[in-house]
Amino acid sequence: IITADALHTNRDTATYITDLGGHYLLTVKDNQPKLRKALKKLPW
């Protein structure tokens, strides 16, 4: 499992990690507005 701050929350980094067989835990903030909006709609 790879963790990094919100700066690294992007599709290219996530794809790169999974292509190498890794998993990721990345923070979602305002740099990914569509993803953040979709996550806010989940039944937290």
PDB file of all heavy atoms in Angstrom:
ATOM      1  N   ILE A   1       0.858  -1.188   0.000  1.00  0.00           N
ATOM      2  CA  ILE A   1       0.000   0.000   0.000  1.00  0.00           C
ATOM      3  C   ILE A   1       0.891   1.234   0.000  1.00  0.00           C
ATOM      4  O   ILE A   1       1.748   1.396   0.860  1.00  0.00           O
ATOM      5  CB  ILE A   1      -0.933   0.024   1.229  1.00  0.00           C
ATOM      6  CG1 ILE A   1      -1.877  -1.168   1.194  1.00  0.00           C
ATOM      7  CG2 ILE A   1      -1.721   1.341   1.278  1.00  0.00           C
ATOM      8  CD1 ILE A   1      -2.722  -1.319   2.449  1.00  0.00           C
ATOM      9  N   ILE A   2       0.661   2.107  -0.956  1.00  0.00           N
ATOM     10  CA  ILE A   2       1.407   3.355  -1.106  1.00  0.00           C
ATOM     11  C   ILE A   2       0.525   4.495  -0.622  1.00  0.00           C
ATOM     12  O   ILE A   2      -0.633   4.615  -1.024  1.00  0.00           O
ATOM     13  CB  ILE A   2       1.782   3.599  -2.588  1.00  0.00           C
ATOM     14  CG1 ILE A   2       2.589   2.428  -3.154  1.00  0.00           C
ATOM     15  CG2 ILE A   2       2.487   4.933  -2.759  1.00  0.00           C
ATOM     16  CD1 ILE A   2       3.896   2.171  -2.461  1.00  0.00           C
ATOM     17  N   THR A   3       1.062   5.345   0.254  1.00  0.00           N
ATOM     18  CA  THR A   3       0.341   6.539   0.678  1.00  0.00           C
ATOM     19  C   THR A   3       1.137   7.769   0.269  1.00  0.00           C
ATOM     20  O   THR A   3       2.365   7.739   0.227  1.00  0.00           O
ATOM     21  CB  THR A   3       0.096   6.575   2.203  1.00  0.00           C
ATOM     22  OG1 THR A   3       1.338   6.676   2.884  1.00  0.00           O
ATOM     23  CG2 THR A   3      -0.658   5.345   2.663  1.00  0.00           C
ATOM     24  N   ALA A   4       0.419   8.821  -0.045  1.00  0.00           N
ATOM     25  CA  ALA A   4       1.029  10.098  -0.413  1.00  0.00           C
ATOM     26  C   ALA A   4      -0.018  11.181  -0.194  1.00  0.00           C
ATOM     27  O   ALA A   4      -1.210  10.892  -0.062  1.00  0.00           O
ATOM     28  CB  ALA A   4       1.496  10.083  -1.870  1.00  0.00           C
ATOM     29  N   ASP A   5       0.428  12.430  -0.179  1.00  0.00           N
ATOM     30  CA  ASP A   5      -0.521  13.506   0.076  1.00  0.00           C
ATOM     31  C   ASP A   5      -1.341  13.835  -1.171  1.00  0.00           C
ATOM     32  O   ASP A   5      -1.162  13.247  -2.235  1.00  0.00           O
ATOM     33  CB  ASP A   5       0.185  14.733   0.658  1.00  0.00           C
ATOM     34  CG  ASP A   5       1.272  15.283  -0.234  1.00  0.00           C
ATOM     35  OD1 ASP A   5       1.216  15.091  -1.467  1.00  0.00           O
ATOM     36  OD2 ASP A   5       2.190  15.920   0.303  1.00  0.00           O
ATOM     37  N   ALA A   6      -2.249  14.786  -1.036  1.00  0.00           N
ATOM     38  CA  ALA A   6      -3.221  15.102  -2.087  1.00  0.00           C
ATOM     39  C   ALA A   6      -2.574  15.541  -3.398  1.00  0.00           C
ATOM     40  O   ALA A   6      -3.179  15.375  -4.456  1.00  0.00           O
ATOM     41  CB  ALA A   6      -4.185  16.174  -1.589  1.00  0.00           C
ATOM     42  N   LEU A   7      -1.379  16.069  -3.353  1.00  0.00           N
ATOM     43  CA  LEU A   7      -0.686  16.469  -4.579  1.00  0.00           C
ATOM     44  C   LEU A   7      -0.596  15.306  -5.560  1.00  0.00           C
ATOM     45  O   LEU A   7      -0.665  15.492  -6.768  1.00  0.00           O
ATOM     46  CB  LEU A   7       0.717  16.975  -4.224  1.00  0.00           C
ATOM     47  CG  LEU A   7       1.648  17.331  -5.375  1.00  0.00           C
ATOM     48  CD1 LEU A   7       1.143  18.580  -6.088  1.00  0.00           C
ATOM     49  CD2 LEU A   7       3.056  17.564  -4.848  1.00  0.00           C
ATOM     50  N   HIS A   8      -0.472  14.086  -5.051  1.00  0.00           N
ATOM     51  CA  HIS A   8      -0.277  12.902  -5.889  1.00  0.00           C
ATOM     52  C   HIS A   8      -1.577  12.208  -6.278  1.00  0.00           C
ATOM     53  O   HIS A   8      -1.552  11.181  -6.943  1.00  0.00           O
ATOM     54  CB  HIS A   8       0.650  11.920  -5.175  1.00  0.00           C
ATOM     55  CG  HIS A   8       1.998  12.504  -4.921  1.00  0.00           C
ATOM     56  ND1 HIS A   8       2.932  12.679  -5.917  1.00  0.00           N
ATOM     57  CD2 HIS A   8       2.552  13.011  -3.798  1.00  0.00           C
ATOM     58  CE1 HIS A   8       4.009  13.244  -5.407  1.00  0.00           C
ATOM     59  NE2 HIS A   8       3.794  13.458  -4.128  1.00  0.00           N
ATOM     60  N   THR A   9      -2.703  12.760  -5.867  1.00  0.00           N
ATOM     61  CA  THR A   9      -3.992  12.162  -6.195  1.00  0.00           C
ATOM     62  C   THR A   9      -4.361  12.551  -7.613  1.00  0.00           C
ATOM     63  O   THR A   9      -4.930  13.607  -7.868  1.00  0.00           O
ATOM     64  CB  THR A   9      -5.081  12.614  -5.199  1.00  0.00           C
ATOM     65  OG1 THR A   9      -4.649  12.294  -3.880  1.00  0.00           O
ATOM     66  CG2 THR A   9      -6.407  11.934  -5.479  1.00  0.00           C
ATOM     67  N   ASN A  10      -3.966  11.691  -8.543  1.00  0.00           N
ATOM     68  CA  ASN A  10      -4.304  11.890  -9.948  1.00  0.00           C
ATOM     69  C   ASN A  10      -4.309  10.534 -10.640  1.00  0.00           C
ATOM     70  O   ASN A  10      -3.728   9.568 -10.154  1.00  0.00           O
ATOM     71  CB  ASN A  10      -3.357  12.882 -10.633  1.00  0.00           C
ATOM     72  CG  ASN A  10      -1.933  12.404 -10.662  1.00  0.00           C
ATOM     73  OD1 ASN A  10      -1.608  11.471 -11.394  1.00  0.00           O
ATOM     74  ND2 ASN A  10      -1.075  13.022  -9.863  1.00  0.00           N
ATOM     75  N   ARG A  11      -4.983  10.463 -11.769  1.00  0.00           N
ATOM     76  CA  ARG A  11      -5.163   9.198 -12.488  1.00  0.00           C
ATOM     77  C   ARG A  11      -3.840   8.580 -12.911  1.00  0.00           C
ATOM     78  O   ARG A  11      -3.640   7.368 -12.792  1.00  0.00           O
ATOM     79  CB  ARG A  11      -6.060   9.416 -13.698  1.00  0.00           C
ATOM     80  CG  ARG A  11      -6.403   8.118 -14.424  1.00  0.00           C
ATOM     81  CD  ARG A  11      -7.420   8.328 -15.520  1.00  0.00           C
ATOM     82  NE  ARG A  11      -8.689   8.805 -15.021  1.00  0.00           N
ATOM     83  CZ  ARG A  11      -9.637   8.008 -14.521  1.00  0.00           C
ATOM     84  NH1 ARG A  11      -9.443   6.733 -14.425  1.00  0.00           N
ATOM     85  NH2 ARG A  11     -10.776   8.514 -14.112  1.00  0.00           N
ATOM     86  N   ASP A  12      -2.886   9.385 -13.394  1.00  0.00           N
ATOM     87  CA  ASP A  12      -1.613   8.837 -13.862  1.00  0.00           C
ATOM     88  C   ASP A  12      -0.845   8.146 -12.729  1.00  0.00           C
ATOM     89  O   ASP A  12      -0.306   7.058 -12.913  1.00  0.00           O
ATOM     90  CB  ASP A  12      -0.736   9.932 -14.478  1.00  0.00           C
ATOM     91  CG  ASP A  12      -1.273  10.436 -15.807  1.00  0.00           C
ATOM     92  OD1 ASP A  12      -2.092   9.731 -16.431  1.00  0.00           O
ATOM     93  OD2 ASP A  12      -0.872  11.537 -16.217  1.00  0.00           O
ATOM     94  N   THR A  13      -0.803   8.768 -11.566  1.00  0.00           N
ATOM     95  CA  THR A  13      -0.099   8.169 -10.432  1.00  0.00           C
ATOM     96  C   THR A  13      -0.815   6.910  -9.953  1.00  0.00           C
ATOM     97  O   THR A  13      -0.171   5.881  -9.702  1.00  0.00           O
ATOM     98  CB  THR A  13       0.042   9.184  -9.282  1.00  0.00           C
ATOM     99  OG1 THR A  13       0.820  10.291  -9.752  1.00  0.00           O
ATOM    100  CG2 THR A  13       0.703   8.565  -8.068  1.00  0.00           C
ATOM    101  N   ALA A  14      -2.139   6.964  -9.845  1.00  0.00           N
ATOM    102  CA  ALA A  14      -2.904   5.797  -9.404  1.00  0.00           C
ATOM    103  C   ALA A  14      -2.713   4.631 -10.377  1.00  0.00           C
ATOM    104  O   ALA A  14      -2.508   3.488  -9.959  1.00  0.00           O
ATOM    105  CB  ALA A  14      -4.382   6.161  -9.270  1.00  0.00           C
ATOM    106  N   THR A  15      -2.757   4.911 -11.668  1.00  0.00           N
ATOM    107  CA  THR A  15      -2.555   3.868 -12.678  1.00  0.00           C
ATOM    108  C   THR A  15      -1.152   3.299 -12.588  1.00  0.00           C
ATOM    109  O   THR A  15      -0.957   2.076 -12.667  1.00  0.00           O
ATOM    110  CB  THR A  15      -2.822   4.430 -14.087  1.00  0.00           C
ATOM    111  OG1 THR A  15      -4.177   4.885 -14.151  1.00  0.00           O
ATOM    112  CG2 THR A  15      -2.597   3.373 -15.157  1.00  0.00           C
ATOM    113  N   TYR A  16      -0.163   4.158 -12.418  1.00  0.00           N
ATOM    114  CA  TYR A  16       1.221   3.708 -12.327  1.00  0.00           C
ATOM    115  C   TYR A  16       1.408   2.757 -11.140  1.00  0.00           C
ATOM    116  O   TYR A  16       2.030   1.702 -11.257  1.00  0.00           O
ATOM    117  CB  TYR A  16       2.158   4.908 -12.207  1.00  0.00           C
ATOM    118  CG  TYR A  16       3.614   4.544 -12.364  1.00  0.00           C
ATOM    119  CD1 TYR A  16       4.163   4.347 -13.621  1.00  0.00           C
ATOM    120  CD2 TYR A  16       4.426   4.370 -11.257  1.00  0.00           C
ATOM    121  CE1 TYR A  16       5.492   3.991 -13.775  1.00  0.00           C
ATOM    122  CE2 TYR A  16       5.753   4.015 -11.386  1.00  0.00           C
ATOM    123  CZ  TYR A  16       6.284   3.833 -12.654  1.00  0.00           C
ATOM    124  OH  TYR A  16       7.598   3.474 -12.788  1.00  0.00           O
ATOM    125  N   ILE A  17       0.846   3.113 -10.007  1.00  0.00           N
ATOM    126  CA  ILE A  17       0.957   2.280  -8.808  1.00  0.00           C
ATOM    127  C   ILE A  17       0.305   0.919  -9.038  1.00  0.00           C
ATOM    128  O   ILE A  17       0.890  -0.125  -8.739  1.00  0.00           O
ATOM    129  CB  ILE A  17       0.356   2.996  -7.580  1.00  0.00           C
ATOM    130  CG1 ILE A  17       1.229   4.191  -7.186  1.00  0.00           C
ATOM    131  CG2 ILE A  17       0.186   2.023  -6.404  1.00  0.00           C
ATOM    132  CD1 ILE A  17       0.596   5.126  -6.175  1.00  0.00           C
ATOM    133  N   THR A  18      -0.917   0.897  -9.582  1.00  0.00           N
ATOM    134  CA  THR A  18      -1.600  -0.375  -9.800  1.00  0.00           C
ATOM    135  C   THR A  18      -0.919  -1.192 -10.900  1.00  0.00           C
ATOM    136  O   THR A  18      -0.901  -2.420 -10.824  1.00  0.00           O
ATOM    137  CB  THR A  18      -3.098  -0.189 -10.110  1.00  0.00           C
ATOM    138  OG1 THR A  18      -3.253   0.654 -11.251  1.00  0.00           O
ATOM    139  CG2 THR A  18      -3.825   0.419  -8.918  1.00  0.00           C
ATOM    140  N   ASP A  19      -0.355  -0.545 -11.900  1.00  0.00           N
ATOM    141  CA  ASP A  19       0.386  -1.270 -12.946  1.00  0.00           C
ATOM    142  C   ASP A  19       1.603  -1.987 -12.375  1.00  0.00           C
ATOM    143  O   ASP A  19       2.014  -3.025 -12.889  1.00  0.00           O
ATOM    144  CB  ASP A  19       0.826  -0.332 -14.074  1.00  0.00           C
ATOM    145  CG  ASP A  19      -0.322   0.092 -14.980  1.00  0.00           C
ATOM    146  OD1 ASP A  19      -1.433  -0.477 -14.863  1.00  0.00           O
ATOM    147  OD2 ASP A  19      -0.104   1.005 -15.805  1.00  0.00           O
ATOM    148  N   LEU A  20       2.189  -1.432 -11.306  1.00  0.00           N
ATOM    149  CA  LEU A  20       3.331  -2.081 -10.644  1.00  0.00           C
ATOM    150  C   LEU A  20       2.884  -3.107  -9.607  1.00  0.00           C
ATOM    151  O   LEU A  20       3.712  -3.684  -8.905  1.00  0.00           O
ATOM    152  CB  LEU A  20       4.223  -1.026  -9.976  1.00  0.00           C
ATOM    153  CG  LEU A  20       4.985  -0.095 -10.908  1.00  0.00           C
ATOM    154  CD1 LEU A  20       5.734   0.971 -10.112  1.00  0.00           C
ATOM    155  CD2 LEU A  20       5.941  -0.864 -11.804  1.00  0.00           C
ATOM    156  N   GLY A  21       1.573  -3.312  -9.486  1.00  0.00           N
ATOM    157  CA  GLY A  21       1.050  -4.303  -8.545  1.00  0.00           C
ATOM    158  C   GLY A  21       0.768  -3.752  -7.164  1.00  0.00           C
ATOM    159  O   GLY A  21       0.398  -4.495  -6.260  1.00  0.00           O
ATOM    160  N   GLY A  22       0.929  -2.455  -6.990  1.00  0.00           N
ATOM    161  CA  GLY A  22       0.700  -1.846  -5.689  1.00  0.00           C
ATOM    162  C   GLY A  22      -0.741  -1.420  -5.491  1.00  0.00           C
ATOM    163  O   GLY A  22      -1.566  -1.483  -6.406  1.00  0.00           O
ATOM    164  N   HIS A  23      -1.034  -1.000  -4.288  1.00  0.00           N
ATOM    165  CA  HIS A  23      -2.330  -0.433  -3.908  1.00  0.00           C
ATOM    166  C   HIS A  23      -2.042   0.985  -3.430  1.00  0.00           C
ATOM    167  O   HIS A  23      -0.902   1.319  -3.118  1.00  0.00           O
ATOM    168  CB  HIS A  23      -2.965  -1.242  -2.777  1.00  0.00           C
ATOM    169  CG  HIS A  23      -2.999  -2.708  -3.042  1.00  0.00           C
ATOM    170  ND1 HIS A  23      -3.998  -3.310  -3.770  1.00  0.00           N
ATOM    171  CD2 HIS A  23      -2.131  -3.697  -2.690  1.00  0.00           C
ATOM    172  CE1 HIS A  23      -3.758  -4.611  -3.851  1.00  0.00           C
ATOM    173  NE2 HIS A  23      -2.640  -4.868  -3.198  1.00  0.00           N
ATOM    174  N   TYR A  24      -3.055   1.815  -3.353  1.00  0.00           N
ATOM    175  CA  TYR A  24      -2.800   3.186  -2.913  1.00  0.00           C
ATOM    176  C   TYR A  24      -3.876   3.684  -1.975  1.00  0.00           C
ATOM    177  O   TYR A  24      -5.010   3.231  -1.990  1.00  0.00           O
ATOM    178  CB  TYR A  24      -2.655   4.133  -4.106  1.00  0.00           C
ATOM    179  CG  TYR A  24      -3.850   4.151  -5.034  1.00  0.00           C
ATOM    180  CD1 TYR A  24      -4.943   4.957  -4.789  1.00  0.00           C
ATOM    181  CD2 TYR A  24      -3.865   3.355  -6.169  1.00  0.00           C
ATOM    182  CE1 TYR A  24      -6.024   4.977  -5.637  1.00  0.00           C
ATOM    183  CE2 TYR A  24      -4.940   3.360  -7.033  1.00  0.00           C
ATOM    184  CZ  TYR A  24      -6.019   4.167  -6.763  1.00  0.00           C
ATOM    185  OH  TYR A  24      -7.098   4.167  -7.605  1.00  0.00           O
ATOM    186  N   LEU A  25      -3.459   4.611  -1.147  1.00  0.00           N
ATOM    187  CA  LEU A  25      -4.341   5.347  -0.254  1.00  0.00           C
ATOM    188  C   LEU A  25      -3.926   6.803  -0.407  1.00  0.00           C
ATOM    189  O   LEU A  25      -2.870   7.208   0.067  1.00  0.00           O
ATOM    190  CB  LEU A  25      -4.165   4.873   1.193  1.00  0.00           C
ATOM    191  CG  LEU A  25      -5.005   5.561   2.254  1.00  0.00           C
ATOM    192  CD1 LEU A  25      -6.489   5.347   1.982  1.00  0.00           C
ATOM    193  CD2 LEU A  25      -4.642   5.037   3.628  1.00  0.00           C
ATOM    194  N   LEU A  26      -4.742   7.556  -1.147  1.00  0.00           N
ATOM    195  CA  LEU A  26      -4.400   8.939  -1.473  1.00  0.00           C
ATOM    196  C   LEU A  26      -5.490   9.871  -0.948  1.00  0.00           C
ATOM    197  O   LEU A  26      -6.678   9.559  -1.015  1.00  0.00           O
ATOM    198  CB  LEU A  26      -4.253   9.111  -2.991  1.00  0.00           C
ATOM    199  CG  LEU A  26      -3.179   8.248  -3.648  1.00  0.00           C
ATOM    200  CD1 LEU A  26      -3.293   8.296  -5.161  1.00  0.00           C
ATOM    201  CD2 LEU A  26      -1.796   8.687  -3.211  1.00  0.00           C
ATOM    202  N   THR A  27      -5.090  11.013  -0.466  1.00  0.00           N
ATOM    203  CA  THR A  27      -6.009  12.014   0.055  1.00  0.00           C
ATOM    204  C   THR A  27      -6.670  12.759  -1.096  1.00  0.00           C
ATOM    205  O   THR A  27      -6.000  13.157  -2.043  1.00  0.00           O
ATOM    206  CB  THR A  27      -5.249  13.020   0.944  1.00  0.00           C
ATOM    207  OG1 THR A  27      -4.589  12.300   1.978  1.00  0.00           O
ATOM    208  CG2 THR A  27      -6.179  14.042   1.540  1.00  0.00           C
ATOM    209  N   VAL A  28      -7.964  12.939  -1.009  1.00  0.00           N
ATOM    210  CA  VAL A  28      -8.692  13.686  -2.033  1.00  0.00           C
ATOM    211  C   VAL A  28      -9.039  15.052  -1.464  1.00  0.00           C
ATOM    212  O   VAL A  28      -9.710  15.160  -0.435  1.00  0.00           O
ATOM    213  CB  VAL A  28      -9.971  12.945  -2.476  1.00  0.00           C
ATOM    214  CG1 VAL A  28     -10.745  13.771  -3.496  1.00  0.00           C
ATOM    215  CG2 VAL A  28      -9.617  11.578  -3.042  1.00  0.00           C
ATOM    216  N   LYS A  29      -8.577  16.079  -2.143  1.00  0.00           N
ATOM    217  CA  LYS A  29      -8.883  17.462  -1.754  1.00  0.00           C
ATOM    218  C   LYS A  29      -9.374  18.214  -2.982  1.00  0.00           C
ATOM    219  O   LYS A  29      -9.750  17.609  -3.982  1.00  0.00           O
ATOM    220  CB  LYS A  29      -7.635  18.131  -1.159  1.00  0.00           C
ATOM    221  CG  LYS A  29      -7.264  17.586   0.210  1.00  0.00           C
ATOM    222  CD  LYS A  29      -6.150  18.404   0.826  1.00  0.00           C
ATOM    223  CE  LYS A  29      -5.846  17.918   2.236  1.00  0.00           C
ATOM    224  NZ  LYS A  29      -4.755  18.687   2.829  1.00  0.00           N
ATOM    225  N   ASP A  30      -9.334  19.524  -2.940  1.00  0.00           N
ATOM    226  CA  ASP A  30      -9.884  20.349  -4.011  1.00  0.00           C
ATOM    227  C   ASP A  30      -9.120  20.259  -5.333  1.00  0.00           C
ATOM    228  O   ASP A  30      -9.608  20.752  -6.345  1.00  0.00           O
ATOM    229  CB  ASP A  30      -9.959  21.813  -3.565  1.00  0.00           C
ATOM    230  CG  ASP A  30     -11.020  22.007  -2.492  1.00  0.00           C
ATOM    231  OD1 ASP A  30     -11.979  21.206  -2.440  1.00  0.00           O
ATOM    232  OD2 ASP A  30     -10.894  22.964  -1.705  1.00  0.00           O
ATOM    233  N   ASN A  31      -7.941  19.615  -5.361  1.00  0.00           N
ATOM    234  CA  ASN A  31      -7.231  19.491  -6.630  1.00  0.00           C
ATOM    235  C   ASN A  31      -7.891  18.454  -7.547  1.00  0.00           C
ATOM    236  O   ASN A  31      -7.544  18.354  -8.714  1.00  0.00           O
ATOM    237  CB  ASN A  31      -5.750  19.141  -6.405  1.00  0.00           C
ATOM    238  CG  ASN A  31      -5.546  17.803  -5.728  1.00  0.00           C
ATOM    239  OD1 ASN A  31      -6.347  17.392  -4.888  1.00  0.00           O
ATOM    240  ND2 ASN A  31      -4.476  17.130  -6.068  1.00  0.00           N
ATOM    241  N   GLN A  32      -8.850  17.697  -7.024  1.00  0.00           N
ATOM    242  CA  GLN A  32      -9.630  16.746  -7.824  1.00  0.00           C
ATOM    243  C   GLN A  32     -11.119  17.006  -7.556  1.00  0.00           C
ATOM    244  O   GLN A  32     -11.791  16.237  -6.866  1.00  0.00           O
ATOM    245  CB  GLN A  32      -9.257  15.307  -7.448  1.00  0.00           C
ATOM    246  CG  GLN A  32      -7.851  14.923  -7.793  1.00  0.00           C
ATOM    247  CD  GLN A  32      -7.630  14.861  -9.294  1.00  0.00           C
ATOM    248  OE1 GLN A  32      -8.524  14.504 -10.051  1.00  0.00           O
ATOM    249  NE2 GLN A  32      -6.441  15.238  -9.727  1.00  0.00           N
ATOM    250  N   PRO A  33     -11.658  18.116  -8.100  1.00  0.00           N
ATOM    251  CA  PRO A  33     -13.024  18.518  -7.732  1.00  0.00           C
ATOM    252  C   PRO A  33     -14.111  17.508  -8.098  1.00  0.00           C
ATOM    253  O   PRO A  33     -15.039  17.295  -7.310  1.00  0.00           O
ATOM    254  CB  PRO A  33     -13.232  19.844  -8.465  1.00  0.00           C
ATOM    255  CG  PRO A  33     -12.174  19.900  -9.512  1.00  0.00           C
ATOM    256  CD  PRO A  33     -11.044  19.052  -9.040  1.00  0.00           C
ATOM    257  N   LYS A  34     -14.031  16.854  -9.262  1.00  0.00           N
ATOM    258  CA  LYS A  34     -15.073  15.883  -9.641  1.00  0.00           C
ATOM    259  C   LYS A  34     -15.035  14.664  -8.724  1.00  0.00           C
ATOM    260  O   LYS A  34     -16.077  14.177  -8.288  1.00  0.00           O
ATOM    261  CB  LYS A  34     -14.890  15.443 -11.092  1.00  0.00           C
ATOM    262  CG  LYS A  34     -15.244  16.504 -12.093  1.00  0.00           C
ATOM    263  CD  LYS A  34     -15.058  15.990 -13.498  1.00  0.00           C
ATOM    264  CE  LYS A  34     -15.314  17.088 -14.508  1.00  0.00           C
ATOM    265  NZ  LYS A  34     -15.075  16.614 -15.880  1.00  0.00           N
ATOM    266  N   LEU A  35     -13.844  14.169  -8.440  1.00  0.00           N
ATOM    267  CA  LEU A  35     -13.707  13.019  -7.557  1.00  0.00           C
ATOM    268  C   LEU A  35     -14.186  13.371  -6.144  1.00  0.00           C
ATOM    269  O   LEU A  35     -14.908  12.604  -5.510  1.00  0.00           O
ATOM    270  CB  LEU A  35     -12.254  12.540  -7.527  1.00  0.00           C
ATOM    271  CG  LEU A  35     -11.949  11.355  -6.612  1.00  0.00           C
ATOM    272  CD1 LEU A  35     -12.806  10.146  -6.963  1.00  0.00           C
ATOM    273  CD2 LEU A  35     -10.465  11.015  -6.688  1.00  0.00           C
ATOM    274  N   ARG A  36     -13.804  14.539  -5.669  1.00  0.00           N
ATOM    275  CA  ARG A  36     -14.228  14.951  -4.323  1.00  0.00           C
ATOM    276  C   ARG A  36     -15.750  15.067  -4.239  1.00  0.00           C
ATOM    277  O   ARG A  36     -16.364  14.616  -3.270  1.00  0.00           O
ATOM    278  CB  ARG A  36     -13.567  16.272  -3.943  1.00  0.00           C
ATOM    279  CG  ARG A  36     -13.848  16.641  -2.501  1.00  0.00           C
ATOM    280  CD  ARG A  36     -12.916  17.679  -1.988  1.00  0.00           C
ATOM    281  NE  ARG A  36     -13.040  17.740  -0.538  1.00  0.00           N
ATOM    282  CZ  ARG A  36     -12.897  18.821   0.163  1.00  0.00           C
ATOM    283  NH1 ARG A  36     -12.565  19.946  -0.417  1.00  0.00           N
ATOM    284  NH2 ARG A  36     -13.041  18.806   1.464  1.00  0.00           N
ATOM    285  N   LYS A  37     -16.351  15.629  -5.276  1.00  0.00           N
ATOM    286  CA  LYS A  37     -17.807  15.770  -5.301  1.00  0.00           C
ATOM    287  C   LYS A  37     -18.472  14.390  -5.296  1.00  0.00           C
ATOM    288  O   LYS A  37     -19.442  14.159  -4.567  1.00  0.00           O
ATOM    289  CB  LYS A  37     -18.236  16.557  -6.535  1.00  0.00           C
ATOM    290  CG  LYS A  37     -19.703  16.863  -6.605  1.00  0.00           C
ATOM    291  CD  LYS A  37     -20.035  17.729  -7.813  1.00  0.00           C
ATOM    292  CE  LYS A  37     -21.520  18.022  -7.863  1.00  0.00           C
ATOM    293  NZ  LYS A  37     -21.857  18.840  -9.031  1.00  0.00           N
ATOM    294  N   ALA A  38     -17.944  13.445  -6.093  1.00  0.00           N
ATOM    295  CA  ALA A  38     -18.495  12.086  -6.135  1.00  0.00           C
ATOM    296  C   ALA A  38     -18.353  11.398  -4.777  1.00  0.00           C
ATOM    297  O   ALA A  38     -19.270  10.712  -4.319  1.00  0.00           O
ATOM    298  CB  ALA A  38     -17.795  11.273  -7.223  1.00  0.00           C
ATOM    299  N   LEU A  39     -17.212  11.579  -4.121  1.00  0.00           N
ATOM    300  CA  LEU A  39     -16.995  10.959  -2.810  1.00  0.00           C
ATOM    301  C   LEU A  39     -17.901  11.549  -1.739  1.00  0.00           C
ATOM    302  O   LEU A  39     -18.361  10.849  -0.842  1.00  0.00           O
ATOM    303  CB  LEU A  39     -15.534  11.088  -2.398  1.00  0.00           C
ATOM    304  CG  LEU A  39     -14.548  10.241  -3.203  1.00  0.00           C
ATOM    305  CD1 LEU A  39     -13.121  10.582  -2.820  1.00  0.00           C
ATOM    306  CD2 LEU A  39     -14.827   8.765  -3.036  1.00  0.00           C
ATOM    307  N   LYS A  40     -18.166  12.850  -1.835  1.00  0.00           N
ATOM    308  CA  LYS A  40     -19.042  13.489  -0.842  1.00  0.00           C
ATOM    309  C   LYS A  40     -20.464  12.945  -0.915  1.00  0.00           C
ATOM    310  O   LYS A  40     -21.196  12.978   0.071  1.00  0.00           O
ATOM    311  CB  LYS A  40     -19.048  15.006  -1.043  1.00  0.00           C
ATOM    312  CG  LYS A  40     -17.841  15.687  -0.448  1.00  0.00           C
ATOM    313  CD  LYS A  40     -17.977  17.203  -0.590  1.00  0.00           C
ATOM    314  CE  LYS A  40     -16.910  17.881   0.190  1.00  0.00           C
ATOM    315  NZ  LYS A  40     -17.384  18.462   1.424  1.00  0.00           N
ATOM    316  N   LYS A  41     -20.856  12.420  -2.080  1.00  0.00           N
ATOM    317  CA  LYS A  41     -22.210  11.888  -2.254  1.00  0.00           C
ATOM    318  C   LYS A  41     -22.385  10.496  -1.651  1.00  0.00           C
ATOM    319  O   LYS A  41     -23.498  10.018  -1.528  1.00  0.00           O
ATOM    320  CB  LYS A  41     -22.558  11.840  -3.744  1.00  0.00           C
ATOM    321  CG  LYS A  41     -22.742  13.193  -4.366  1.00  0.00           C
ATOM    322  CD  LYS A  41     -23.091  13.058  -5.834  1.00  0.00           C
ATOM    323  CE  LYS A  41     -23.242  14.420  -6.482  1.00  0.00           C
ATOM    324  NZ  LYS A  41     -23.531  14.306  -7.924  1.00  0.00           N
ATOM    325  N   LEU A  42     -21.290   9.844  -1.285  1.00  0.00           N
ATOM    326  CA  LEU A  42     -21.388   8.504  -0.712  1.00  0.00           C
ATOM    327  C   LEU A  42     -21.994   8.563   0.696  1.00  0.00           C
ATOM    328  O   LEU A  42     -21.891   9.586   1.373  1.00  0.00           O
ATOM    329  CB  LEU A  42     -20.003   7.847  -0.679  1.00  0.00           C
ATOM    330  CG  LEU A  42     -19.391   7.571  -2.054  1.00  0.00           C
ATOM    331  CD1 LEU A  42     -17.959   7.078  -1.917  1.00  0.00           C
ATOM    332  CD2 LEU A  42     -20.238   6.567  -2.833  1.00  0.00           C
ATOM    333  N   PRO A  43     -22.595   7.475   1.157  1.00  0.00           N
ATOM    334  CA  PRO A  43     -23.307   7.473   2.456  1.00  0.00           C
ATOM    335  C   PRO A  43     -22.360   7.359   3.651  1.00  0.00           C
ATOM    336  O   PRO A  43     -22.426   6.404   4.436  1.00  0.00           O
ATOM    337  CB  PRO A  43     -24.208   6.246   2.335  1.00  0.00           C
ATOM    338  CG  PRO A  43     -23.426   5.316   1.455  1.00  0.00           C
ATOM    339  CD  PRO A  43     -22.732   6.213   0.450  1.00  0.00           C
ATOM    340  N   TRP A  44     -21.505   8.349   3.850  1.00  0.00           N
ATOM    341  CA  TRP A  44     -20.499   8.288   4.916  1.00  0.00           C
ATOM    342  C   TRP A  44     -21.112   8.184   6.308  1.00  0.00           C
ATOM    343  O   TRP A  44     -20.527   7.595   7.209  1.00  0.00           O
ATOM    344  CB  TRP A  44     -19.566   9.504   4.835  1.00  0.00           C
ATOM    345  CG  TRP A  44     -18.740   9.492   3.597  1.00  0.00           C
ATOM    346  CD1 TRP A  44     -18.830  10.341   2.540  1.00  0.00           C
ATOM    347  CD2 TRP A  44     -17.701   8.566   3.268  1.00  0.00           C
ATOM    348  NE1 TRP A  44     -17.923  10.002   1.574  1.00  0.00           N
ATOM    349  CE2 TRP A  44     -17.209   8.915   1.999  1.00  0.00           C
ATOM    350  CE3 TRP A  44     -17.147   7.465   3.914  1.00  0.00           C
ATOM    351  CZ2 TRP A  44     -16.189   8.213   1.370  1.00  0.00           C
ATOM    352  CZ3 TRP A  44     -16.131   6.766   3.282  1.00  0.00           C
ATOM    353  CH2 TRP A  44     -15.659   7.141   2.025  1.00  0.00           C
TER     354      TRP A  44
END
